[in-house]
């Protein structure tokens, strides 16, 4: 792979085609294992496009293949983060009882997301509250006012809650 990468960096279009055909097939397979059938091709294509844009500027100290797989992992993480931010949670008596999202058709993934949301709620109800308000479409100013916190504090809480959710989803 590194040999093809060096040839592609030097302008060999055949080597570039071989790399991206291989990566796309491999990325589809790996993404399908993580997110299911529905979004795997979109994630693989998005990762390949990012790699295509950025690989010419890589220096010699970066190994191409591990870097490419890290791009894919980041795209999968972004997918989960986007799902979580668009999610609808059904709450009964202060407990999360259901997770509903039209893009999440895999029941195992749905249960995993629900478990992660429960863990976040148990660990820090405020983090969960911020995630819920963002997913419901409230703007930063509205959330800050509603929770009586400064916008900068909201960004910190939101960043930390998304990190907790991302870490939980990765495990």
Protein backbone atom coordinates (compact mmCIF):
# COMPACT_ATOMS: atom_id res chain seq x y z
CA UNK A 1 0.00 0.00 0.00
CA UNK A 2 2.79 2.46 0.86
CA UNK A 3 4.40 1.82 -2.53
CA UNK A 4 1.14 2.71 -4.30
CA UNK A 5 0.72 5.70 -2.02
CA UNK A 6 4.16 7.08 -2.98
CA UNK A 7 3.43 6.55 -6.67
CA UNK A 8 0.07 8.29 -6.31
CA UNK A 9 1.67 11.21 -4.48
CA UNK A 10 4.03 11.59 -7.43
CA UNK A 11 1.08 11.89 -9.82
CA UNK A 12 0.44 8.28 -10.93
CA UNK A 13 -3.33 8.20 -11.53
CA UNK A 14 -3.40 4.41 -11.95
CA UNK A 15 -1.90 3.94 -8.49
CA UNK A 16 -4.38 6.45 -7.09
CA UNK A 17 -7.31 4.55 -8.64
CA UNK A 18 -6.06 1.25 -7.21
CA UNK A 19 -5.69 2.75 -3.74
CA UNK A 20 -9.17 4.23 -3.67
CA UNK A 21 -10.88 1.18 -5.14
CA UNK A 22 -9.24 -0.95 -2.45
CA UNK A 23 -9.99 1.55 0.33
CA UNK A 24 -13.62 1.98 -0.68
CA UNK A 25 -14.33 -1.76 -0.62
CA UNK A 26 -12.48 -2.21 2.67
CA UNK A 27 -14.10 0.86 4.24
CA UNK A 28 -17.59 -0.33 3.21
CA UNK A 29 -16.92 -3.66 4.89
CA UNK A 30 -15.63 -2.07 8.10
CA UNK A 31 -18.33 0.61 8.24
CA UNK A 32 -21.04 -2.01 7.69
CA UNK A 33 -19.83 -3.84 10.80
CA UNK A 34 -20.02 -0.66 12.88
CA UNK A 35 -23.13 1.14 11.60
CA UNK A 36 -25.09 -1.41 9.60
CA UNK A 37 -26.12 -1.59 5.97
CA UNK A 38 -27.84 1.77 5.59
CA UNK A 39 -25.04 4.32 5.91
CA UNK A 40 -21.91 2.25 5.30
CA UNK A 41 -21.38 3.31 1.67
CA UNK A 42 -21.93 6.99 2.48
CA UNK A 43 -19.41 6.84 5.31
CA UNK A 44 -16.88 4.97 3.15
CA UNK A 45 -17.30 7.46 0.33
CA UNK A 46 -16.97 10.41 2.69
CA UNK A 47 -13.77 8.95 4.17
CA UNK A 48 -12.34 8.32 0.69
CA UNK A 49 -13.12 11.89 -0.38
CA UNK A 50 -11.38 13.29 2.69
CA UNK A 51 -8.35 11.10 2.02
CA UNK A 52 -8.31 12.11 -1.65
CA UNK A 53 -8.29 15.79 -0.67
CA UNK A 54 -5.60 15.50 1.98
CA UNK A 55 -3.21 12.72 0.99
CA UNK A 56 -1.14 14.79 -1.47
CA UNK A 57 -0.03 17.06 1.37
CA UNK A 58 1.05 14.25 3.73
CA UNK A 59 4.72 14.29 4.58
CA UNK A 60 7.03 11.28 4.75
CA UNK A 61 6.67 10.83 8.51
CA UNK A 62 2.98 9.83 8.23
CA UNK A 63 2.20 6.24 7.31
CA UNK A 64 -0.61 6.28 4.81
CA UNK A 65 -2.58 3.17 5.77
CA UNK A 66 -2.96 3.84 9.54
CA UNK A 67 -3.80 7.45 8.75
CA UNK A 68 -6.48 6.37 6.25
CA UNK A 69 -8.10 4.02 8.76
CA UNK A 70 -8.09 6.80 11.35
CA UNK A 71 -9.98 8.99 8.87
CA UNK A 72 -12.59 6.21 8.58
CA UNK A 73 -12.85 5.88 12.38
CA UNK A 74 -13.39 9.64 12.62
CA UNK A 75 -16.14 9.51 9.98
CA UNK A 76 -17.90 6.70 11.86
CA UNK A 77 -17.62 8.71 15.08
CA UNK A 78 -19.06 11.76 13.30
CA UNK A 79 -21.96 9.61 12.08
CA UNK A 80 -22.77 8.47 15.62
CA UNK A 81 -22.44 11.99 16.93
CA UNK A 82 -24.80 13.28 14.26
CA UNK A 83 -27.32 10.56 15.08
CA UNK A 84 -27.15 11.44 18.74
CA UNK A 85 -27.61 15.14 18.08
CA UNK A 86 -30.68 14.47 15.90
CA UNK A 87 -32.14 11.89 18.24
CA UNK A 88 -35.49 11.94 19.90
CA UNK A 89 -35.66 10.59 23.41
CA UNK A 90 -38.87 9.62 25.09
CA UNK A 91 -38.76 10.34 28.80
CA UNK A 92 -41.14 8.99 31.39
CA UNK A 93 -40.82 10.00 35.05
CA UNK A 94 -37.35 11.39 34.42
CA UNK A 95 -36.09 8.13 32.90
CA UNK A 96 -35.21 7.51 29.28
CA UNK A 97 -37.61 4.83 28.11
CA UNK A 98 -37.18 4.93 24.35
CA UNK A 99 -34.83 6.23 21.69
CA UNK A 100 -36.41 7.06 18.34
CA UNK A 101 -34.64 8.18 15.21
CA UNK A 102 -35.69 7.48 11.61
CA UNK A 103 -32.12 6.76 10.45
CA UNK A 104 -31.46 4.17 13.17
CA UNK A 105 -33.15 1.03 11.94
CA UNK A 106 -30.76 -1.47 13.51
CA UNK A 107 -32.39 -2.53 16.82
CA UNK A 108 -29.01 -3.37 18.39
CA UNK A 109 -27.67 0.09 17.60
CA UNK A 110 -30.87 1.65 18.92
CA UNK A 111 -30.48 -0.23 22.22
CA UNK A 112 -26.78 0.69 22.41
CA UNK A 113 -27.57 4.38 21.98
CA UNK A 114 -30.33 4.14 24.57
CA UNK A 115 -27.95 2.46 27.04
CA UNK A 116 -25.36 5.19 26.46
CA UNK A 117 -27.94 7.90 27.04
CA UNK A 118 -28.98 6.21 30.28
CA UNK A 119 -25.35 6.08 31.41
CA UNK A 120 -24.90 9.77 30.67
CA UNK A 121 -28.12 10.60 32.52
CA UNK A 122 -26.96 8.58 35.51
CA UNK A 123 -23.45 10.06 35.48
CA UNK A 124 -24.49 13.66 35.00
CA UNK A 125 -28.14 14.64 34.45
CA UNK A 126 -27.13 18.13 33.28
CA UNK A 127 -25.05 16.68 30.41
CA UNK A 128 -28.02 14.60 29.39
CA UNK A 129 -30.31 17.62 29.66
CA UNK A 130 -28.08 19.66 27.35
CA UNK A 131 -27.93 16.82 24.79
CA UNK A 132 -31.71 16.54 24.89
CA UNK A 133 -32.28 20.27 24.42
CA UNK A 134 -29.84 20.42 21.50
CA UNK A 135 -31.49 17.39 19.86
CA UNK A 136 -34.88 19.08 20.25
CA UNK A 137 -33.58 22.02 18.21
CA UNK A 138 -33.16 24.70 20.86
CA UNK A 139 -30.59 27.38 20.07
CA UNK A 140 -27.59 28.15 22.27
CA UNK A 141 -29.12 31.31 23.68
CA UNK A 142 -32.38 29.53 24.52
CA UNK A 143 -30.61 26.67 26.28
CA UNK A 144 -28.36 29.05 28.20
CA UNK A 145 -31.36 31.03 29.34
CA UNK A 146 -33.38 27.95 30.20
CA UNK A 147 -30.55 26.41 32.28
CA UNK A 148 -29.41 29.80 33.60
CA UNK A 149 -25.80 29.34 32.49
CA UNK A 150 -23.46 31.35 30.28
CA UNK A 151 -23.10 30.32 26.63
CA UNK A 152 -19.40 29.50 27.15
CA UNK A 153 -20.33 27.16 29.99
CA UNK A 154 -22.94 25.57 27.74
CA UNK A 155 -20.32 24.88 25.07
CA UNK A 156 -18.11 23.19 27.67
CA UNK A 157 -20.98 21.03 28.92
CA UNK A 158 -22.05 20.18 25.37
CA UNK A 159 -18.52 19.25 24.36
CA UNK A 160 -18.09 17.03 27.42
CA UNK A 161 -21.47 15.37 27.00
CA UNK A 162 -20.79 14.64 23.32
CA UNK A 163 -17.42 13.17 24.28
CA UNK A 164 -19.09 10.91 26.85
CA UNK A 165 -21.63 9.81 24.26
CA UNK A 166 -18.97 9.25 21.61
CA UNK A 167 -16.78 7.23 24.01
CA UNK A 168 -19.72 5.13 25.12
CA UNK A 169 -20.77 4.44 21.54
CA UNK A 170 -17.24 3.41 20.58
CA UNK A 171 -17.04 0.86 23.42
